[in-house]
C-alpha cells in the first residue's frame, strides 16, 4: 500500500497472483516428490532388513540414553547394553529362555473396540464403588 502510494512501480496484481500460484504449485510438487522419494527409500531399506540375520527382539529403557536390547543373530540371542557412546555385550541367552510375542498385523484392534472396553470397565468399576459405599452406609 505504501509503495503504491509513494509512486514506486512494482508488479501488477495479476503478475503477483500468478507468481503466488506458481510458488504454491512448486511447493506442492516439492512436497509430493519428497513423499514419494521417502516411501521408495523406506521400502527398499525394509526389504534389505528382511533378508538379514540380525533382528531386534526387544528393548528395555534404563534411562534416557541407556537401553538393554535383546537381539537375535542367526539362531543365537544376545543381550547388549546400548549407551550414548558405547555398545557392550551383556550375555547370551538360550532360545528356550526367550519368550517372543508375535503380533498379527492383519488382526489389528480398532480404537472403537478399545474405547468400548474402557467404557465398560469404567462403568463396572463405578457401579462396584457405589455398591460398596451403600453397604458401608448401612453398617
N, C-alpha and C. Protein backbone atom coordinates (compact mmCIF):
# COMPACT_ATOMS: atom_id res chain seq x y z
N UNK A 1 0.82 -1.17 0.00
CA UNK A 1 0.00 0.00 0.00
C UNK A 1 0.88 1.24 0.00
N UNK A 2 1.86 1.30 0.87
CA UNK A 2 2.75 2.44 0.98
C UNK A 2 3.58 2.60 -0.29
N UNK A 3 4.05 1.48 -0.84
CA UNK A 3 4.86 1.54 -2.05
C UNK A 3 4.06 2.06 -3.24
N UNK A 4 2.82 1.68 -3.34
CA UNK A 4 1.99 2.14 -4.44
C UNK A 4 1.71 3.62 -4.34
N UNK A 5 1.48 4.08 -3.14
CA UNK A 5 1.16 5.50 -2.97
C UNK A 5 2.39 6.37 -3.10
N UNK A 6 3.59 5.83 -2.90
CA UNK A 6 4.79 6.65 -2.99
C UNK A 6 5.29 6.77 -4.42
N UNK A 7 4.63 6.12 -5.35
CA UNK A 7 4.99 6.27 -6.75
C UNK A 7 5.98 5.23 -7.24
N UNK A 8 6.37 4.26 -6.41
CA UNK A 8 7.27 3.21 -6.83
C UNK A 8 6.47 2.19 -7.63
N UNK A 9 6.94 1.90 -8.84
CA UNK A 9 6.20 0.94 -9.64
C UNK A 9 6.66 -0.45 -9.30
N UNK A 10 5.72 -1.38 -9.21
CA UNK A 10 6.04 -2.76 -8.87
C UNK A 10 5.28 -3.67 -9.80
N UNK A 11 5.01 -4.83 -9.33
CA UNK A 11 4.26 -5.81 -10.11
C UNK A 11 2.79 -5.44 -10.09
N UNK A 12 2.12 -5.80 -11.15
CA UNK A 12 0.68 -5.61 -11.15
C UNK A 12 0.06 -6.71 -10.30
N UNK A 13 -1.18 -6.55 -9.94
CA UNK A 13 -1.83 -7.54 -9.09
C UNK A 13 -1.96 -8.88 -9.82
N UNK A 14 -2.13 -8.86 -11.14
CA UNK A 14 -2.24 -10.10 -11.90
C UNK A 14 -0.91 -10.86 -11.88
N UNK A 15 0.19 -10.14 -12.05
CA UNK A 15 1.51 -10.78 -12.01
C UNK A 15 1.77 -11.36 -10.63
N UNK A 16 1.39 -10.65 -9.60
CA UNK A 16 1.60 -11.13 -8.23
C UNK A 16 0.80 -12.40 -7.96
N UNK A 17 -0.43 -12.43 -8.43
CA UNK A 17 -1.28 -13.62 -8.24
C UNK A 17 -0.70 -14.80 -9.00
N UNK A 18 -0.25 -14.58 -10.22
CA UNK A 18 0.35 -15.65 -11.00
C UNK A 18 1.62 -16.19 -10.35
N UNK A 19 2.44 -15.31 -9.80
CA UNK A 19 3.65 -15.74 -9.09
C UNK A 19 3.28 -16.53 -7.84
N UNK A 20 2.26 -16.11 -7.13
CA UNK A 20 1.82 -16.82 -5.94
C UNK A 20 1.32 -18.22 -6.30
N UNK A 21 0.52 -18.32 -7.35
CA UNK A 21 0.03 -19.61 -7.79
C UNK A 21 1.19 -20.51 -8.22
N UNK A 22 2.17 -19.94 -8.92
CA UNK A 22 3.35 -20.71 -9.32
C UNK A 22 4.13 -21.23 -8.13
N UNK A 23 4.29 -20.39 -7.11
CA UNK A 23 5.01 -20.81 -5.90
C UNK A 23 4.24 -21.90 -5.15
N UNK A 24 2.92 -21.79 -5.11
CA UNK A 24 2.12 -22.82 -4.44
C UNK A 24 2.25 -24.15 -5.18
N UNK A 25 2.19 -24.10 -6.51
CA UNK A 25 2.35 -25.33 -7.31
C UNK A 25 3.74 -25.92 -7.10
N UNK A 26 4.77 -25.08 -7.07
CA UNK A 26 6.14 -25.55 -6.83
C UNK A 26 6.27 -26.20 -5.46
N UNK A 27 5.66 -25.59 -4.46
CA UNK A 27 5.69 -26.15 -3.10
C UNK A 27 5.00 -27.52 -3.07
N UNK A 28 3.85 -27.64 -3.72
CA UNK A 28 3.13 -28.91 -3.76
C UNK A 28 3.97 -29.98 -4.46
N UNK A 29 4.64 -29.61 -5.56
CA UNK A 29 5.49 -30.56 -6.27
C UNK A 29 6.67 -31.02 -5.41
N UNK A 30 7.27 -30.11 -4.66
CA UNK A 30 8.40 -30.48 -3.79
C UNK A 30 7.93 -31.41 -2.68
N UNK A 31 6.78 -31.13 -2.09
CA UNK A 31 6.26 -31.99 -1.02
C UNK A 31 5.92 -33.37 -1.57
N UNK A 32 5.28 -33.42 -2.74
CA UNK A 32 4.92 -34.71 -3.34
C UNK A 32 6.17 -35.51 -3.69
N UNK A 33 7.18 -34.84 -4.26
CA UNK A 33 8.42 -35.54 -4.61
C UNK A 33 9.11 -36.09 -3.37
N UNK A 34 9.17 -35.30 -2.29
CA UNK A 34 9.82 -35.79 -1.07
C UNK A 34 9.05 -36.96 -0.46
N UNK A 35 7.72 -36.95 -0.55
CA UNK A 35 6.90 -38.05 -0.04
C UNK A 35 7.23 -39.34 -0.79
N UNK A 36 7.23 -39.28 -2.12
CA UNK A 36 7.47 -40.49 -2.90
C UNK A 36 8.91 -40.98 -2.79
N UNK A 37 9.86 -40.07 -2.69
CA UNK A 37 11.26 -40.49 -2.52
C UNK A 37 11.44 -41.16 -1.16
N UNK A 38 10.82 -40.60 -0.13
CA UNK A 38 10.90 -41.19 1.21
C UNK A 38 10.26 -42.58 1.24
N UNK A 39 9.12 -42.73 0.60
CA UNK A 39 8.48 -44.05 0.52
C UNK A 39 9.35 -45.06 -0.21
N UNK A 40 9.96 -44.63 -1.31
CA UNK A 40 10.82 -45.52 -2.08
C UNK A 40 12.01 -45.97 -1.25
N UNK A 41 12.65 -45.04 -0.57
CA UNK A 41 13.81 -45.38 0.26
C UNK A 41 13.38 -46.29 1.41
N UNK A 42 12.23 -46.01 2.02
CA UNK A 42 11.74 -46.84 3.13
C UNK A 42 11.46 -48.27 2.70
N UNK A 43 10.82 -48.45 1.56
CA UNK A 43 10.51 -49.81 1.11
C UNK A 43 11.77 -50.56 0.69
N UNK A 44 12.72 -49.86 0.09
CA UNK A 44 13.95 -50.55 -0.30
C UNK A 44 14.78 -50.93 0.93
N UNK A 45 14.79 -50.09 1.95
CA UNK A 45 15.51 -50.42 3.18
C UNK A 45 14.81 -51.53 3.95
N UNK A 46 13.48 -51.53 3.95
CA UNK A 46 12.73 -52.58 4.65
C UNK A 46 13.01 -53.93 4.01
N UNK A 47 13.10 -53.97 2.70
CA UNK A 47 13.42 -55.21 2.01
C UNK A 47 14.82 -55.69 2.34
N UNK A 48 15.74 -54.77 2.53
CA UNK A 48 17.11 -55.14 2.89
C UNK A 48 17.17 -55.70 4.30
N UNK A 49 16.36 -55.16 5.22
CA UNK A 49 16.38 -55.64 6.60
C UNK A 49 15.72 -57.00 6.74
N UNK A 50 14.79 -57.35 5.87
CA UNK A 50 14.12 -58.64 5.98
C UNK A 50 15.05 -59.79 5.65
N UNK A 51 16.05 -59.53 4.83
CA UNK A 51 16.93 -60.62 4.41
C UNK A 51 18.18 -60.71 5.27
N UNK A 52 18.22 -59.99 6.37
CA UNK A 52 19.40 -60.01 7.22
C UNK A 52 19.22 -61.01 8.37
N UNK A 53 20.32 -61.40 8.97
CA UNK A 53 20.29 -62.33 10.10
C UNK A 53 20.17 -61.62 11.44
N UNK A 54 20.17 -60.30 11.45
CA UNK A 54 20.07 -59.53 12.67
C UNK A 54 18.64 -59.06 12.84
N UNK A 55 18.08 -59.26 14.05
CA UNK A 55 16.73 -58.79 14.33
C UNK A 55 16.66 -58.34 15.78
N UNK A 56 16.17 -57.14 16.01
CA UNK A 56 15.98 -56.64 17.36
C UNK A 56 14.66 -57.19 17.89
N UNK A 57 14.73 -57.97 18.96
CA UNK A 57 13.55 -58.62 19.52
C UNK A 57 12.85 -57.72 20.53
N UNK A 58 13.62 -57.12 21.43
CA UNK A 58 13.02 -56.32 22.49
C UNK A 58 14.04 -55.30 22.97
N UNK A 59 13.54 -54.21 23.56
CA UNK A 59 14.42 -53.19 24.14
C UNK A 59 13.81 -52.73 25.46
N UNK A 60 14.67 -52.47 26.41
CA UNK A 60 14.23 -52.00 27.72
C UNK A 60 15.02 -50.75 28.06
N UNK A 61 14.31 -49.66 28.32
CA UNK A 61 14.96 -48.38 28.59
C UNK A 61 15.33 -48.29 30.07
N UNK A 62 16.61 -48.09 30.32
CA UNK A 62 17.09 -47.93 31.69
C UNK A 62 17.10 -46.48 32.12
N UNK A 63 17.48 -45.61 31.23
CA UNK A 63 17.49 -44.17 31.45
C UNK A 63 17.33 -43.51 30.08
N UNK A 64 17.26 -42.19 30.01
CA UNK A 64 17.02 -41.56 28.71
C UNK A 64 18.00 -41.94 27.60
N UNK A 65 19.23 -42.30 27.96
CA UNK A 65 20.18 -42.65 26.90
C UNK A 65 20.85 -44.01 27.14
N UNK A 66 20.18 -44.89 27.92
CA UNK A 66 20.73 -46.23 28.16
C UNK A 66 19.63 -47.27 27.96
N UNK A 67 19.93 -48.29 27.17
CA UNK A 67 18.98 -49.34 26.84
C UNK A 67 19.62 -50.71 26.98
N UNK A 68 18.80 -51.69 27.29
CA UNK A 68 19.17 -53.09 27.14
C UNK A 68 18.40 -53.59 25.93
N UNK A 69 19.09 -54.22 24.99
CA UNK A 69 18.43 -54.73 23.81
C UNK A 69 18.68 -56.22 23.67
N UNK A 70 17.61 -56.93 23.33
CA UNK A 70 17.69 -58.35 23.03
C UNK A 70 17.69 -58.49 21.52
N UNK A 71 18.75 -59.08 20.99
CA UNK A 71 18.94 -59.18 19.55
C UNK A 71 19.10 -60.64 19.17
N UNK A 72 18.43 -61.03 18.08
CA UNK A 72 18.62 -62.37 17.54
C UNK A 72 19.62 -62.26 16.40
N UNK A 73 20.69 -63.01 16.51
CA UNK A 73 21.73 -63.05 15.47
C UNK A 73 21.76 -64.49 14.97
N UNK A 74 21.16 -64.70 13.82
CA UNK A 74 21.04 -66.06 13.32
C UNK A 74 20.10 -66.84 14.22
N UNK A 75 20.62 -67.85 14.93
CA UNK A 75 19.80 -68.62 15.86
C UNK A 75 20.19 -68.33 17.31
N UNK A 76 21.10 -67.39 17.53
CA UNK A 76 21.54 -67.02 18.89
C UNK A 76 20.84 -65.76 19.35
N UNK A 77 20.62 -65.67 20.67
CA UNK A 77 20.02 -64.48 21.27
C UNK A 77 21.05 -63.82 22.15
N UNK A 78 21.26 -62.52 21.95
CA UNK A 78 22.29 -61.78 22.66
C UNK A 78 21.66 -60.55 23.30
N UNK A 79 22.05 -60.26 24.55
CA UNK A 79 21.63 -59.05 25.23
C UNK A 79 22.80 -58.08 25.21
N UNK A 80 22.53 -56.85 24.75
CA UNK A 80 23.58 -55.83 24.71
C UNK A 80 23.09 -54.59 25.45
N UNK A 81 24.05 -53.84 25.97
CA UNK A 81 23.75 -52.56 26.62
C UNK A 81 24.15 -51.46 25.65
N UNK A 82 23.20 -50.60 25.34
CA UNK A 82 23.44 -49.52 24.40
C UNK A 82 23.42 -48.22 25.20
N UNK A 83 24.56 -47.53 25.21
CA UNK A 83 24.67 -46.25 25.91
C UNK A 83 24.89 -45.16 24.86
N UNK A 84 25.06 -43.95 25.34
CA UNK A 84 25.22 -42.82 24.44
C UNK A 84 26.40 -43.00 23.50
N UNK A 85 27.53 -43.43 24.03
CA UNK A 85 28.75 -43.53 23.22
C UNK A 85 29.29 -44.94 23.08
N UNK A 86 28.57 -45.95 23.60
CA UNK A 86 29.14 -47.29 23.54
C UNK A 86 28.05 -48.36 23.46
N UNK A 87 28.45 -49.54 23.00
CA UNK A 87 27.61 -50.72 22.97
C UNK A 87 28.42 -51.83 23.63
N UNK A 88 27.83 -52.48 24.64
CA UNK A 88 28.55 -53.51 25.38
C UNK A 88 27.77 -54.82 25.38
N UNK A 89 28.49 -55.92 25.29
CA UNK A 89 27.91 -57.25 25.38
C UNK A 89 27.56 -57.52 26.83
N UNK A 90 26.33 -58.01 27.10
CA UNK A 90 25.92 -58.32 28.46
C UNK A 90 25.92 -59.83 28.66
N UNK A 91 25.14 -60.57 27.87
CA UNK A 91 25.10 -62.02 27.99
C UNK A 91 24.47 -62.63 26.75
N UNK A 92 24.57 -63.95 26.67
CA UNK A 92 23.91 -64.69 25.61
C UNK A 92 22.84 -65.57 26.24
N UNK A 93 21.67 -65.63 25.63
CA UNK A 93 20.56 -66.42 26.15
C UNK A 93 20.29 -67.60 25.22
N UNK A 94 19.77 -68.66 25.82
CA UNK A 94 19.34 -69.81 25.03
C UNK A 94 17.95 -69.53 24.47
N UNK A 95 17.61 -70.23 23.42
CA UNK A 95 16.33 -69.98 22.77
C UNK A 95 15.15 -70.26 23.68
N UNK A 96 15.26 -71.25 24.56
CA UNK A 96 14.15 -71.56 25.46
C UNK A 96 14.02 -70.54 26.60
N UNK A 97 15.02 -69.70 26.82
CA UNK A 97 14.95 -68.65 27.84
C UNK A 97 14.27 -67.39 27.34
N UNK A 98 14.03 -67.30 26.05
CA UNK A 98 13.46 -66.10 25.46
C UNK A 98 12.00 -66.36 25.11
N UNK A 99 11.14 -65.46 25.57
CA UNK A 99 9.73 -65.54 25.18
C UNK A 99 9.47 -64.43 24.18
N UNK A 100 9.04 -64.82 23.01
CA UNK A 100 8.75 -63.82 21.98
C UNK A 100 7.26 -63.71 21.80
N UNK A 101 6.81 -62.50 21.59
CA UNK A 101 5.40 -62.23 21.35
C UNK A 101 5.25 -61.89 19.88
N UNK A 102 4.49 -62.68 19.17
CA UNK A 102 4.27 -62.40 17.76
C UNK A 102 2.93 -61.71 17.61
N UNK A 103 2.94 -60.60 16.92
CA UNK A 103 1.70 -59.87 16.69
C UNK A 103 1.26 -60.12 15.26
N UNK A 104 -0.03 -60.26 15.10
CA UNK A 104 -0.61 -60.49 13.79
C UNK A 104 -1.03 -59.14 13.22
N UNK A 105 -0.29 -58.62 12.21
CA UNK A 105 -0.65 -57.30 11.70
C UNK A 105 -2.02 -57.26 11.04
N UNK A 106 -2.53 -58.39 10.58
CA UNK A 106 -3.84 -58.43 9.98
C UNK A 106 -4.96 -58.36 11.00
N UNK A 107 -4.61 -58.61 12.26
CA UNK A 107 -5.61 -58.62 13.33
C UNK A 107 -5.40 -57.41 14.24
N UNK A 108 -5.56 -56.25 13.67
CA UNK A 108 -5.43 -55.01 14.43
C UNK A 108 -6.75 -54.71 15.13
N UNK A 109 -6.67 -54.26 16.36
CA UNK A 109 -7.85 -53.91 17.13
C UNK A 109 -8.17 -52.45 16.85
N UNK A 110 -9.42 -52.16 16.59
CA UNK A 110 -9.79 -50.79 16.27
C UNK A 110 -9.90 -49.97 17.55
N UNK A 111 -9.76 -48.67 17.39
CA UNK A 111 -9.87 -47.77 18.52
C UNK A 111 -11.26 -47.84 19.13
N UNK A 112 -12.27 -48.03 18.29
CA UNK A 112 -13.64 -48.12 18.77
C UNK A 112 -13.81 -49.27 19.75
N UNK A 113 -13.21 -50.44 19.44
CA UNK A 113 -13.30 -51.60 20.33
C UNK A 113 -12.59 -51.34 21.66
N UNK A 114 -11.42 -50.75 21.60
CA UNK A 114 -10.66 -50.44 22.82
C UNK A 114 -11.43 -49.45 23.68
N UNK A 115 -12.01 -48.43 23.04
CA UNK A 115 -12.77 -47.42 23.77
C UNK A 115 -14.00 -48.02 24.42
N UNK A 116 -14.69 -48.93 23.70
CA UNK A 116 -15.88 -49.58 24.26
C UNK A 116 -15.51 -50.42 25.48
N UNK A 117 -14.39 -51.16 25.41
CA UNK A 117 -13.94 -51.95 26.56
C UNK A 117 -13.62 -51.05 27.74
N UNK A 118 -12.99 -49.92 27.46
CA UNK A 118 -12.63 -48.99 28.52
C UNK A 118 -13.88 -48.44 29.20
N UNK A 119 -14.89 -48.09 28.41
CA UNK A 119 -16.13 -47.59 28.99
C UNK A 119 -16.81 -48.64 29.85
N UNK A 120 -16.85 -49.89 29.37
CA UNK A 120 -17.45 -50.97 30.15
C UNK A 120 -16.74 -51.15 31.47
N UNK A 121 -15.41 -51.11 31.42
CA UNK A 121 -14.62 -51.28 32.64
C UNK A 121 -14.89 -50.14 33.61
N UNK A 122 -14.96 -48.90 33.11
CA UNK A 122 -15.23 -47.75 33.97
C UNK A 122 -16.62 -47.83 34.59
N UNK A 123 -17.60 -48.28 33.80
CA UNK A 123 -18.96 -48.39 34.32
C UNK A 123 -19.05 -49.47 35.39
N UNK A 124 -18.38 -50.60 35.17
CA UNK A 124 -18.43 -51.67 36.16
C UNK A 124 -17.71 -51.25 37.43
N UNK A 125 -16.61 -50.53 37.31
CA UNK A 125 -15.88 -50.05 38.48
C UNK A 125 -16.71 -49.03 39.24
N UNK A 126 -17.41 -48.16 38.52
CA UNK A 126 -18.24 -47.15 39.16
C UNK A 126 -19.41 -47.79 39.88
N UNK A 127 -20.02 -48.81 39.27
CA UNK A 127 -21.15 -49.47 39.93
C UNK A 127 -20.69 -50.23 41.16
N UNK A 128 -19.52 -50.85 41.11
CA UNK A 128 -18.99 -51.57 42.27
C UNK A 128 -18.69 -50.61 43.41
N UNK A 129 -18.13 -49.45 43.10
CA UNK A 129 -17.79 -48.49 44.16
C UNK A 129 -19.05 -47.91 44.77
N UNK A 130 -20.11 -47.71 43.96
CA UNK A 130 -21.36 -47.19 44.53
C UNK A 130 -22.02 -48.23 45.42
N UNK A 131 -21.91 -49.52 45.07
CA UNK A 131 -22.45 -50.59 45.91
C UNK A 131 -21.69 -50.67 47.22
N UNK A 132 -20.37 -50.51 47.16
CA UNK A 132 -19.56 -50.54 48.38
C UNK A 132 -19.90 -49.39 49.30
N UNK A 133 -20.15 -48.20 48.77
CA UNK A 133 -20.48 -47.06 49.62
C UNK A 133 -21.86 -47.24 50.24
N UNK A 134 -22.81 -47.85 49.50
CA UNK A 134 -24.14 -48.09 50.06
C UNK A 134 -24.07 -49.10 51.19
N UNK A 135 -23.22 -50.15 51.04
CA UNK A 135 -23.06 -51.15 52.09
C UNK A 135 -22.43 -50.56 53.32
N UNK A 136 -21.46 -49.65 53.14
CA UNK A 136 -20.80 -49.06 54.29
C UNK A 136 -21.74 -48.10 55.03
N UNK A 137 -22.69 -47.48 54.31
CA UNK A 137 -23.67 -46.62 54.99
C UNK A 137 -24.64 -47.42 55.83
N UNK A 138 -24.98 -48.65 55.39
CA UNK A 138 -25.91 -49.49 56.11
C UNK A 138 -25.31 -50.01 57.40
N UNK A 139 -24.01 -50.18 57.43
CA UNK A 139 -23.34 -50.74 58.62
C UNK A 139 -23.16 -49.72 59.65
